[in-house]
Full PDB file with SEQRES, HELIX, SHEET, SSBOND, CRYST1, ORIGX, SCALE, CONECT and MASTER records, all heavy atoms in Angstrom:
SEQRES   1 A   38  ARG GLY ARG LEU GLN ALA TYR ALA LEU PRO ASP THR GLU          
SEQRES   2 A   38  PRO ASP ALA PRO GLY GLN LEU TYR ASN LEU ALA ASP ASP          
SEQRES   3 A   38  PRO GLY GLU THR ARG ASN LEU TYR HIS GLN ARG PRO              
HELIX    1 AA1 GLY A    2  TYR A    7  5                                   6    
CRYST1    1.000    1.000    1.000  90.00  90.00  90.00 P 1           1          
ORIGX1      1.000000  0.000000  0.000000        0.00000                         
ORIGX2      0.000000  1.000000  0.000000        0.00000                         
ORIGX3      0.000000  0.000000  1.000000        0.00000                         
SCALE1      1.000000  0.000000  0.000000        0.00000                         
SCALE2      0.000000  1.000000  0.000000        0.00000                         
SCALE3      0.000000  0.000000  1.000000        0.00000                         
ATOM      1  N   ARG A   1      92.131  41.898 100.175  1.00  0.00           N  
ATOM      2  CA  ARG A   1      92.934  42.966 100.690  1.00  0.00           C  
ATOM      3  C   ARG A   1      92.844  44.225  99.819  1.00  0.00           C  
ATOM      4  O   ARG A   1      92.254  44.175  98.690  1.00  0.00           O  
ATOM      5  CB  ARG A   1      94.529  42.551 100.475  1.00  0.00           C  
ATOM      6  CG  ARG A   1      95.009  42.241  99.108  1.00  0.00           C  
ATOM      7  CD  ARG A   1      96.394  41.828  99.177  1.00  0.00           C  
ATOM      8  NE  ARG A   1      96.838  41.708  97.738  1.00  0.00           N  
ATOM      9  CZ  ARG A   1      98.075  41.086  97.393  1.00  0.00           C  
ATOM     10  NH1 ARG A   1      98.779  40.611  98.455  1.00  0.00           N  
ATOM     11  NH2 ARG A   1      98.356  41.039  96.122  1.00  0.00           N  
ATOM     12  N   GLY A   2      93.376  45.252 100.426  1.00  0.00           N  
ATOM     13  CA  GLY A   2      93.254  46.557  99.633  1.00  0.00           C  
ATOM     14  C   GLY A   2      91.824  47.173  99.295  1.00  0.00           C  
ATOM     15  O   GLY A   2      90.890  46.655  99.866  1.00  0.00           O  
ATOM     16  N   ARG A   3      91.706  47.847  98.126  1.00  0.00           N  
ATOM     17  CA  ARG A   3      90.504  48.549  97.980  1.00  0.00           C  
ATOM     18  C   ARG A   3      89.418  47.621  97.380  1.00  0.00           C  
ATOM     19  O   ARG A   3      88.086  47.951  97.520  1.00  0.00           O  
ATOM     20  CB  ARG A   3      90.603  49.765  96.954  1.00  0.00           C  
ATOM     21  CG  ARG A   3      91.620  50.894  97.520  1.00  0.00           C  
ATOM     22  CD  ARG A   3      91.869  51.939  96.546  1.00  0.00           C  
ATOM     23  NE  ARG A   3      92.455  53.215  97.080  1.00  0.00           N  
ATOM     24  CZ  ARG A   3      92.785  54.296  96.362  1.00  0.00           C  
ATOM     25  NH1 ARG A   3      92.424  54.291  95.120  1.00  0.00           N  
ATOM     26  NH2 ARG A   3      93.380  55.196  97.003  1.00  0.00           N  
ATOM     27  N   LEU A   4      89.848  46.435  96.851  1.00  0.00           N  
ATOM     28  CA  LEU A   4      88.852  45.566  96.439  1.00  0.00           C  
ATOM     29  C   LEU A   4      87.964  44.819  97.491  1.00  0.00           C  
ATOM     30  O   LEU A   4      86.968  44.240  97.308  1.00  0.00           O  
ATOM     31  CB  LEU A   4      89.317  44.429  95.617  1.00  0.00           C  
ATOM     32  CG  LEU A   4      89.913  44.915  94.189  1.00  0.00           C  
ATOM     33  CD1 LEU A   4      90.475  43.786  93.345  1.00  0.00           C  
ATOM     34  CD2 LEU A   4      88.690  45.629  93.396  1.00  0.00           C  
ATOM     35  N   GLN A   5      88.558  44.930  98.806  1.00  0.00           N  
ATOM     36  CA  GLN A   5      87.862  44.280  99.861  1.00  0.00           C  
ATOM     37  C   GLN A   5      86.412  44.795 100.016  1.00  0.00           C  
ATOM     38  O   GLN A   5      85.568  44.156 100.463  1.00  0.00           O  
ATOM     39  CB  GLN A   5      88.553  44.538 101.273  1.00  0.00           C  
ATOM     40  CG  GLN A   5      89.808  43.612 101.548  1.00  0.00           C  
ATOM     41  CD  GLN A   5      90.237  43.831 102.887  1.00  0.00           C  
ATOM     42  OE1 GLN A   5      90.878  44.920 103.076  1.00  0.00           O  
ATOM     43  NE2 GLN A   5      90.258  42.951 103.776  1.00  0.00           N  
ATOM     44  N   ALA A   6      86.186  45.988  99.724  1.00  0.00           N  
ATOM     45  CA  ALA A   6      84.831  46.758  99.924  1.00  0.00           C  
ATOM     46  C   ALA A   6      83.825  46.009  98.968  1.00  0.00           C  
ATOM     47  O   ALA A   6      82.625  46.154  99.236  1.00  0.00           O  
ATOM     48  CB  ALA A   6      84.961  48.156  99.565  1.00  0.00           C  
ATOM     49  N   TYR A   7      84.326  45.312  97.896  1.00  0.00           N  
ATOM     50  CA  TYR A   7      83.439  44.773  96.881  1.00  0.00           C  
ATOM     51  C   TYR A   7      83.433  43.213  97.031  1.00  0.00           C  
ATOM     52  O   TYR A   7      82.679  42.596  96.200  1.00  0.00           O  
ATOM     53  CB  TYR A   7      83.923  45.119  95.465  1.00  0.00           C  
ATOM     54  CG  TYR A   7      83.958  46.645  95.326  1.00  0.00           C  
ATOM     55  CD1 TYR A   7      85.323  47.204  95.308  1.00  0.00           C  
ATOM     56  CD2 TYR A   7      82.852  47.415  95.251  1.00  0.00           C  
ATOM     57  CE1 TYR A   7      85.360  48.547  95.117  1.00  0.00           C  
ATOM     58  CE2 TYR A   7      83.014  48.857  95.084  1.00  0.00           C  
ATOM     59  CZ  TYR A   7      84.257  49.437  95.051  1.00  0.00           C  
ATOM     60  OH  TYR A   7      84.310  50.640  94.863  1.00  0.00           O  
ATOM     61  N   ALA A   8      83.955  42.684  98.035  1.00  0.00           N  
ATOM     62  CA  ALA A   8      83.960  41.237  98.281  1.00  0.00           C  
ATOM     63  C   ALA A   8      82.485  40.875  98.690  1.00  0.00           C  
ATOM     64  O   ALA A   8      81.921  41.419  99.505  1.00  0.00           O  
ATOM     65  CB  ALA A   8      85.003  40.730  99.242  1.00  0.00           C  
ATOM     66  N   LEU A   9      81.979  39.676  98.165  1.00  0.00           N  
ATOM     67  CA  LEU A   9      80.753  39.225  98.528  1.00  0.00           C  
ATOM     68  C   LEU A   9      80.953  37.842  99.154  1.00  0.00           C  
ATOM     69  O   LEU A   9      81.888  37.091  98.919  1.00  0.00           O  
ATOM     70  CB  LEU A   9      79.935  38.946  97.133  1.00  0.00           C  
ATOM     71  CG  LEU A   9      79.455  40.173  96.437  1.00  0.00           C  
ATOM     72  CD1 LEU A   9      78.662  39.791  95.236  1.00  0.00           C  
ATOM     73  CD2 LEU A   9      78.664  41.005  97.154  1.00  0.00           C  
ATOM     74  N   PRO A  10      80.023  37.464 100.166  1.00  0.00           N  
ATOM     75  CA  PRO A  10      80.308  36.290 100.825  1.00  0.00           C  
ATOM     76  C   PRO A  10      80.025  35.061  99.937  1.00  0.00           C  
ATOM     77  O   PRO A  10      79.277  35.011  99.013  1.00  0.00           O  
ATOM     78  CB  PRO A  10      79.202  36.296 101.953  1.00  0.00           C  
ATOM     79  CG  PRO A  10      78.137  37.210 101.354  1.00  0.00           C  
ATOM     80  CD  PRO A  10      78.891  38.253 100.505  1.00  0.00           C  
ATOM     81  N   ASP A  11      80.912  34.069 100.041  1.00  0.00           N  
ATOM     82  CA  ASP A  11      80.817  32.774  99.274  1.00  0.00           C  
ATOM     83  C   ASP A  11      79.925  31.876 100.003  1.00  0.00           C  
ATOM     84  O   ASP A  11      80.090  31.456 101.204  1.00  0.00           O  
ATOM     85  CB  ASP A  11      82.180  32.004  99.149  1.00  0.00           C  
ATOM     86  CG  ASP A  11      82.163  30.986  98.244  1.00  0.00           C  
ATOM     87  OD1 ASP A  11      81.094  30.468  97.824  1.00  0.00           O  
ATOM     88  OD2 ASP A  11      83.225  30.498  97.698  1.00  0.00           O  
ATOM     89  N   THR A  12      78.766  31.569  99.391  1.00  0.00           N  
ATOM     90  CA  THR A  12      77.715  30.733 100.011  1.00  0.00           C  
ATOM     91  C   THR A  12      78.023  29.287 100.136  1.00  0.00           C  
ATOM     92  O   THR A  12      77.421  28.498 100.698  1.00  0.00           O  
ATOM     93  CB  THR A  12      76.262  30.931  99.281  1.00  0.00           C  
ATOM     94  OG1 THR A  12      76.454  30.568  97.833  1.00  0.00           O  
ATOM     95  CG2 THR A  12      75.846  32.422  99.350  1.00  0.00           C  
ATOM     96  N   GLU A  13      79.125  28.956  99.394  1.00  0.00           N  
ATOM     97  CA  GLU A  13      79.555  27.569  99.442  1.00  0.00           C  
ATOM     98  C   GLU A  13      81.089  27.575  99.543  1.00  0.00           C  
ATOM     99  O   GLU A  13      81.976  27.130  98.706  1.00  0.00           O  
ATOM    100  CB  GLU A  13      79.274  26.705  98.154  1.00  0.00           C  
ATOM    101  CG  GLU A  13      77.896  26.610  97.871  1.00  0.00           C  
ATOM    102  CD  GLU A  13      77.273  25.302  98.635  1.00  0.00           C  
ATOM    103  OE1 GLU A  13      78.098  24.840  99.377  1.00  0.00           O  
ATOM    104  OE2 GLU A  13      76.182  24.959  98.270  1.00  0.00           O  
ATOM    105  N   PRO A  14      81.580  28.086 100.828  1.00  0.00           N  
ATOM    106  CA  PRO A  14      83.087  28.252 100.954  1.00  0.00           C  
ATOM    107  C   PRO A  14      83.941  27.012 100.908  1.00  0.00           C  
ATOM    108  O   PRO A  14      85.075  27.097 100.571  1.00  0.00           O  
ATOM    109  CB  PRO A  14      83.144  28.895 102.394  1.00  0.00           C  
ATOM    110  CG  PRO A  14      81.944  28.404 103.006  1.00  0.00           C  
ATOM    111  CD  PRO A  14      80.868  28.362 101.958  1.00  0.00           C  
ATOM    112  N   ASP A  15      83.388  25.825 101.023  1.00  0.00           N  
ATOM    113  CA  ASP A  15      84.059  24.648 100.931  1.00  0.00           C  
ATOM    114  C   ASP A  15      84.088  23.980  99.582  1.00  0.00           C  
ATOM    115  O   ASP A  15      84.858  22.915  99.274  1.00  0.00           O  
ATOM    116  CB  ASP A  15      83.482  23.567 101.935  1.00  0.00           C  
ATOM    117  CG  ASP A  15      83.670  24.070 103.400  1.00  0.00           C  
ATOM    118  OD1 ASP A  15      84.641  24.755 103.619  1.00  0.00           O  
ATOM    119  OD2 ASP A  15      82.743  23.717 104.230  1.00  0.00           O  
ATOM    120  N   ALA A  16      83.286  24.637  98.739  1.00  0.00           N  
ATOM    121  CA  ALA A  16      83.206  23.983  97.362  1.00  0.00           C  
ATOM    122  C   ALA A  16      84.562  24.289  96.550  1.00  0.00           C  
ATOM    123  O   ALA A  16      85.066  25.365  96.603  1.00  0.00           O  
ATOM    124  CB  ALA A  16      82.160  24.577  96.584  1.00  0.00           C  
ATOM    125  N   PRO A  17      85.028  23.344  95.641  1.00  0.00           N  
ATOM    126  CA  PRO A  17      86.186  23.640  94.860  1.00  0.00           C  
ATOM    127  C   PRO A  17      85.974  24.475  93.691  1.00  0.00           C  
ATOM    128  O   PRO A  17      86.852  24.780  92.935  1.00  0.00           O  
ATOM    129  CB  PRO A  17      86.617  22.182  94.487  1.00  0.00           C  
ATOM    130  CG  PRO A  17      85.317  21.408  94.380  1.00  0.00           C  
ATOM    131  CD  PRO A  17      84.472  21.977  95.439  1.00  0.00           C  
ATOM    132  N   GLY A  18      84.573  24.823  93.421  1.00  0.00           N  
ATOM    133  CA  GLY A  18      84.290  25.671  92.262  1.00  0.00           C  
ATOM    134  C   GLY A  18      83.034  26.512  92.527  1.00  0.00           C  
ATOM    135  O   GLY A  18      82.411  26.371  93.664  1.00  0.00           O  
ATOM    136  N   GLN A  19      82.390  27.064  91.429  1.00  0.00           N  
ATOM    137  CA  GLN A  19      81.286  27.841  91.559  1.00  0.00           C  
ATOM    138  C   GLN A  19      80.236  27.506  90.456  1.00  0.00           C  
ATOM    139  O   GLN A  19      80.686  27.276  89.392  1.00  0.00           O  
ATOM    140  CB  GLN A  19      81.481  29.276  91.669  1.00  0.00           C  
ATOM    141  CG  GLN A  19      82.502  29.790  92.809  1.00  0.00           C  
ATOM    142  CD  GLN A  19      83.175  31.017  92.518  1.00  0.00           C  
ATOM    143  OE1 GLN A  19      82.530  32.162  92.478  1.00  0.00           O  
ATOM    144  NE2 GLN A  19      84.550  31.072  92.186  1.00  0.00           N  
ATOM    145  N   LEU A  20      79.055  27.450  90.981  1.00  0.00           N  
ATOM    146  CA  LEU A  20      77.900  27.166  89.938  1.00  0.00           C  
ATOM    147  C   LEU A  20      76.875  28.236  90.170  1.00  0.00           C  
ATOM    148  O   LEU A  20      76.371  28.450  91.234  1.00  0.00           O  
ATOM    149  CB  LEU A  20      77.376  25.875  90.005  1.00  0.00           C  
ATOM    150  CG  LEU A  20      76.228  25.459  89.111  1.00  0.00           C  
ATOM    151  CD1 LEU A  20      76.727  25.389  87.623  1.00  0.00           C  
ATOM    152  CD2 LEU A  20      75.441  24.248  89.560  1.00  0.00           C  
ATOM    153  N   TYR A  21      76.464  28.993  89.128  1.00  0.00           N  
ATOM    154  CA  TYR A  21      75.573  30.068  89.134  1.00  0.00           C  
ATOM    155  C   TYR A  21      74.388  29.812  88.114  1.00  0.00           C  
ATOM    156  O   TYR A  21      74.714  29.413  86.950  1.00  0.00           O  
ATOM    157  CB  TYR A  21      76.002  31.457  88.939  1.00  0.00           C  
ATOM    158  CG  TYR A  21      77.106  31.730  90.106  1.00  0.00           C  
ATOM    159  CD1 TYR A  21      78.390  31.780  89.704  1.00  0.00           C  
ATOM    160  CD2 TYR A  21      76.695  31.977  91.422  1.00  0.00           C  
ATOM    161  CE1 TYR A  21      79.462  32.019  90.720  1.00  0.00           C  
ATOM    162  CE2 TYR A  21      77.669  32.329  92.298  1.00  0.00           C  
ATOM    163  CZ  TYR A  21      79.012  32.375  91.994  1.00  0.00           C  
ATOM    164  OH  TYR A  21      79.999  32.599  92.958  1.00  0.00           O  
ATOM    165  N   ASN A  22      73.181  30.110  88.542  1.00  0.00           N  
ATOM    166  CA  ASN A  22      72.146  30.124  87.494  1.00  0.00           C  
ATOM    167  C   ASN A  22      71.953  31.599  87.114  1.00  0.00           C  
ATOM    168  O   ASN A  22      71.223  32.425  87.896  1.00  0.00           O  
ATOM    169  CB  ASN A  22      70.848  29.619  88.231  1.00  0.00           C  
ATOM    170  CG  ASN A  22      69.613  29.615  87.349  1.00  0.00           C  
ATOM    171  OD1 ASN A  22      69.604  30.417  86.245  1.00  0.00           O  
ATOM    172  ND2 ASN A  22      68.665  28.803  87.583  1.00  0.00           N  
ATOM    173  N   LEU A  23      72.414  32.174  85.956  1.00  0.00           N  
ATOM    174  CA  LEU A  23      72.388  33.361  85.576  1.00  0.00           C  
ATOM    175  C   LEU A  23      71.018  33.941  85.318  1.00  0.00           C  
ATOM    176  O   LEU A  23      70.703  35.229  85.411  1.00  0.00           O  
ATOM    177  CB  LEU A  23      73.195  33.677  84.353  1.00  0.00           C  
ATOM    178  CG  LEU A  23      74.635  33.489  84.517  1.00  0.00           C  
ATOM    179  CD1 LEU A  23      75.472  33.849  83.270  1.00  0.00           C  
ATOM    180  CD2 LEU A  23      75.202  34.371  85.661  1.00  0.00           C  
ATOM    181  N   ALA A  24      69.973  33.005  85.066  1.00  0.00           N  
ATOM    182  CA  ALA A  24      68.619  33.549  84.807  1.00  0.00           C  
ATOM    183  C   ALA A  24      68.028  33.961  86.087  1.00  0.00           C  
ATOM    184  O   ALA A  24      67.222  34.902  86.091  1.00  0.00           O  
ATOM    185  CB  ALA A  24      67.715  32.392  84.162  1.00  0.00           C  
ATOM    186  N   ASP A  25      68.320  33.267  87.278  1.00  0.00           N  
ATOM    187  CA  ASP A  25      67.681  33.663  88.571  1.00  0.00           C  
ATOM    188  C   ASP A  25      68.629  34.579  89.343  1.00  0.00           C  
ATOM    189  O   ASP A  25      68.222  35.266  90.079  1.00  0.00           O  
ATOM    190  CB  ASP A  25      67.419  32.339  89.315  1.00  0.00           C  
ATOM    191  CG  ASP A  25      66.394  31.508  88.627  1.00  0.00           C  
ATOM    192  OD1 ASP A  25      65.615  32.108  87.853  1.00  0.00           O  
ATOM    193  OD2 ASP A  25      66.389  30.322  89.000  1.00  0.00           O  
ATOM    194  N   ASP A  26      69.858  34.449  89.028  1.00  0.00           N  
ATOM    195  CA  ASP A  26      70.948  35.152  89.912  1.00  0.00           C  
ATOM    196  C   ASP A  26      72.001  35.726  88.928  1.00  0.00           C  
ATOM    197  O   ASP A  26      73.191  35.317  88.998  1.00  0.00           O  
ATOM    198  CB  ASP A  26      71.535  34.104  90.767  1.00  0.00           C  
ATOM    199  CG  ASP A  26      72.679  34.668  91.734  1.00  0.00           C  
ATOM    200  OD1 ASP A  26      72.665  35.959  92.010  1.00  0.00           O  
ATOM    201  OD2 ASP A  26      73.419  33.866  92.169  1.00  0.00           O  
ATOM    202  N   PRO A  27      71.694  36.745  88.206  1.00  0.00           N  
ATOM    203  CA  PRO A  27      72.667  37.356  87.184  1.00  0.00           C  
ATOM    204  C   PRO A  27      73.883  37.982  87.955  1.00  0.00           C  
ATOM    205  O   PRO A  27      74.904  38.218  87.282  1.00  0.00           O  
ATOM    206  CB  PRO A  27      71.998  38.303  86.404  1.00  0.00           C  
ATOM    207  CG  PRO A  27      70.709  38.788  87.268  1.00  0.00           C  
ATOM    208  CD  PRO A  27      70.215  37.421  88.131  1.00  0.00           C  
ATOM    209  N   GLY A  28      73.685  38.357  89.218  1.00  0.00           N  
ATOM    210  CA  GLY A  28      74.832  38.945  90.009  1.00  0.00           C  
ATOM    211  C   GLY A  28      75.643  37.918  90.585  1.00  0.00           C  
ATOM    212  O   GLY A  28      76.662  38.288  91.223  1.00  0.00           O  
ATOM    213  N   GLU A  29      75.565  36.611  90.363  1.00  0.00           N  
ATOM    214  CA  GLU A  29      76.371  35.543  90.773  1.00  0.00           C  
ATOM    215  C   GLU A  29      76.755  35.581  92.265  1.00  0.00           C  
ATOM    216  O   GLU A  29      77.873  35.644  92.752  1.00  0.00           O  
ATOM    217  CB  GLU A  29      77.720  35.571  89.976  1.00  0.00           C  
ATOM    218  CG  GLU A  29      77.583  35.325  88.388  1.00  0.00           C  
ATOM    219  CD  GLU A  29      78.784  35.527  87.632  1.00  0.00           C  
ATOM    220  OE1 GLU A  29      79.119  36.701  87.205  1.00  0.00           O  
ATOM    221  OE2 GLU A  29      79.459  34.619  87.225  1.00  0.00           O  
ATOM    222  N   THR A  30      75.558  35.660  93.070  1.00  0.00           N  
ATOM    223  CA  THR A  30      75.714  35.804  94.455  1.00  0.00           C  
ATOM    224  C   THR A  30      75.512  34.487  95.197  1.00  0.00           C  
ATOM    225  O   THR A  30      75.815  34.387  96.330  1.00  0.00           O  
ATOM    226  CB  THR A  30      74.698  36.827  94.986  1.00  0.00           C  
ATOM    227  OG1 THR A  30      73.384  36.357  94.647  1.00  0.00           O  
ATOM    228  CG2 THR A  30      74.975  38.129  94.309  1.00  0.00           C  
ATOM    229  N   ARG A  31      74.740  33.587  94.607  1.00  0.00           N  
ATOM    230  CA  ARG A  31      74.355  32.248  95.140  1.00  0.00           C  
ATOM    231  C   ARG A  31      75.074  31.026  94.502  1.00  0.00           C  
ATOM    232  O   ARG A  31      74.639  30.610  93.502  1.00  0.00           O  
ATOM    233  CB  ARG A  31      72.994  32.040  95.249  1.00  0.00           C  
ATOM    234  CG  ARG A  31      72.196  33.124  96.062  1.00  0.00           C  
ATOM    235  CD  ARG A  31      70.690  32.912  96.091  1.00  0.00           C  
ATOM    236  NE  ARG A  31      69.886  32.857  94.850  1.00  0.00           N  
ATOM    237  CZ  ARG A  31      69.515  33.858  94.106  1.00  0.00           C  
ATOM    238  NH1 ARG A  31      69.715  35.080  94.581  1.00  0.00           N  
ATOM    239  NH2 ARG A  31      68.857  33.631  93.010  1.00  0.00           N  
ATOM    240  N   ASN A  32      76.093  30.495  95.172  1.00  0.00           N  
ATOM    241  CA  ASN A  32      76.780  29.393  94.710  1.00  0.00           C  
ATOM    242  C   ASN A  32      76.039  28.159  94.856  1.00  0.00           C  
ATOM    243  O   ASN A  32      75.723  27.659  95.963  1.00  0.00           O  
ATOM    244  CB  ASN A  32      78.194  29.310  95.307  1.00  0.00           C  
ATOM    245  CG  ASN A  32      79.118  28.291  94.847  1.00  0.00           C  
ATOM    246  OD1 ASN A  32      78.789  27.509  93.748  1.00  0.00           O  
ATOM    247  ND2 ASN A  32      80.308  28.172  95.243  1.00  0.00           N  
ATOM    248  N   LEU A  33      75.721  27.349  93.863  1.00  0.00           N  
ATOM    249  CA  LEU A  33      74.931  26.311  93.870  1.00  0.00           C  
ATOM    250  C   LEU A  33      75.673  25.030  93.600  1.00  0.00           C  
ATOM    251  O   LEU A  33      75.113  23.966  93.291  1.00  0.00           O  
ATOM    252  CB  LEU A  33      73.724  26.348  92.847  1.00  0.00           C  
ATOM    253  CG  LEU A  33      72.835  27.655  92.888  1.00  0.00           C  
ATOM    254  CD1 LEU A  33      71.936  27.569  91.684  1.00  0.00           C  
ATOM    255  CD2 LEU A  33      72.138  27.692  94.266  1.00  0.00           C  
ATOM    256  N   TYR A  34      76.969  25.071  93.891  1.00  0.00           N  
ATOM    257  CA  TYR A  34      77.813  23.898  93.382  1.00  0.00           C  
ATOM    258  C   TYR A  34      77.477  22.755  94.167  1.00  0.00           C  
ATOM    259  O   TYR A  34      77.292  21.563  93.659  1.00  0.00           O  
ATOM    260  CB  TYR A  34      79.209  24.222  93.929  1.00  0.00           C  
ATOM    261  CG  TYR A  34      80.378  23.397  93.263  1.00  0.00           C  
ATOM    262  CD1 TYR A  34      81.011  23.873  92.009  1.00  0.00           C  
ATOM    263  CD2 TYR A  34      80.726  22.271  93.912  1.00  0.00           C  
ATOM    264  CE1 TYR A  34      81.931  23.029  91.508  1.00  0.00           C  
ATOM    265  CE2 TYR A  34      81.784  21.434  93.339  1.00  0.00           C  
ATOM    266  CZ  TYR A  34      82.322  21.895  92.068  1.00  0.00           C  
ATOM    267  OH  TYR A  34      83.347  21.046  91.491  1.00  0.00           O  
ATOM    268  N   HIS A  35      77.144  22.691  95.464  1.00  0.00           N  
ATOM    269  CA  HIS A  35      76.820  21.508  96.220  1.00  0.00           C  
ATOM    270  C   HIS A  35      75.319  21.272  96.006  1.00  0.00           C  
ATOM    271  O   HIS A  35      74.903  20.099  96.165  1.00  0.00           O  
ATOM    272  CB  HIS A  35      77.191  21.589  97.614  1.00  0.00           C  
ATOM    273  CG  HIS A  35      78.688  21.372  98.021  1.00  0.00           C  
ATOM    274  ND1 HIS A  35      79.415  20.666  97.278  1.00  0.00           N  
ATOM    275  CD2 HIS A  35      79.329  22.146  98.872  1.00  0.00           C  
ATOM    276  CE1 HIS A  35      80.669  20.714  97.736  1.00  0.00           C  
ATOM    277  NE2 HIS A  35      80.678  21.692  98.685  1.00  0.00           N  
ATOM    278  N   GLN A  36      74.582  22.163  95.730  1.00  0.00           N  
ATOM    279  CA  GLN A  36      73.003  22.105  95.530  1.00  0.00           C  
ATOM    280  C   GLN A  36      72.588  21.299  94.394  1.00  0.00           C  
ATOM    281  O   GLN A  36      71.592  20.573  94.195  1.00  0.00           O  
ATOM    282  CB  GLN A  36      72.228  23.356  95.786  1.00  0.00           C  
ATOM    283  CG  GLN A  36      72.410  23.977  97.077  1.00  0.00           C  
ATOM    284  CD  GLN A  36      71.776  25.272  97.181  1.00  0.00           C  
ATOM    285  OE1 GLN A  36      70.554  25.380  96.736  1.00  0.00           O  
ATOM    286  NE2 GLN A  36      72.338  26.248  97.856  1.00  0.00           N  
ATOM    287  N   ARG A  37      73.421  21.572  93.229  1.00  0.00           N  
ATOM    288  CA  ARG A  37      73.125  20.946  91.886  1.00  0.00           C  
ATOM    289  C   ARG A  37      74.245  20.146  91.321  1.00  0.00           C  
ATOM    290  O   ARG A  37      74.922  20.448  90.411  1.00  0.00           O  
ATOM    291  CB  ARG A  37      72.676  22.055  90.943  1.00  0.00           C  
ATOM    292  CG  ARG A  37      71.454  22.813  91.340  1.00  0.00           C  
ATOM    293  CD  ARG A  37      70.276  22.029  91.539  1.00  0.00           C  
ATOM    294  NE  ARG A  37      69.880  21.253  90.304  1.00  0.00           N  
ATOM    295  CZ  ARG A  37      69.146  21.776  89.356  1.00  0.00           C  
ATOM    296  NH1 ARG A  37      68.563  22.899  89.600  1.00  0.00           N  
ATOM    297  NH2 ARG A  37      68.831  20.974  88.361  1.00  0.00           N  
ATOM    298  N   PRO A  38      74.690  19.097  92.049  1.00  0.00           N  
ATOM    299  CA  PRO A  38      75.965  18.140  91.742  1.00  0.00           C  
ATOM    300  C   PRO A  38      75.725  17.650  90.282  1.00  0.00           C  
ATOM    301  O   PRO A  38      76.814  17.528  89.665  1.00  0.00           O  
ATOM    302  CB  PRO A  38      75.989  17.179  92.769  1.00  0.00           C  
ATOM    303  CG  PRO A  38      74.584  17.080  93.421  1.00  0.00           C  
ATOM    304  CD  PRO A  38      73.963  18.453  93.325  1.00  0.00           C  
TER     305      PRO A  38                                                      
MASTER        0    0    0    1    0    0    0    6  304    1    0    3          
END                                                                             
């Protein structure tokens, strides 16, 4: 909601209870690998 909506990024794992990112490959934290790297 509000002005932060413009900065929302899609969650690539919307059903995951958490988030996992590889900062070396994805420093912008855009690709949630939670289910891909259990």
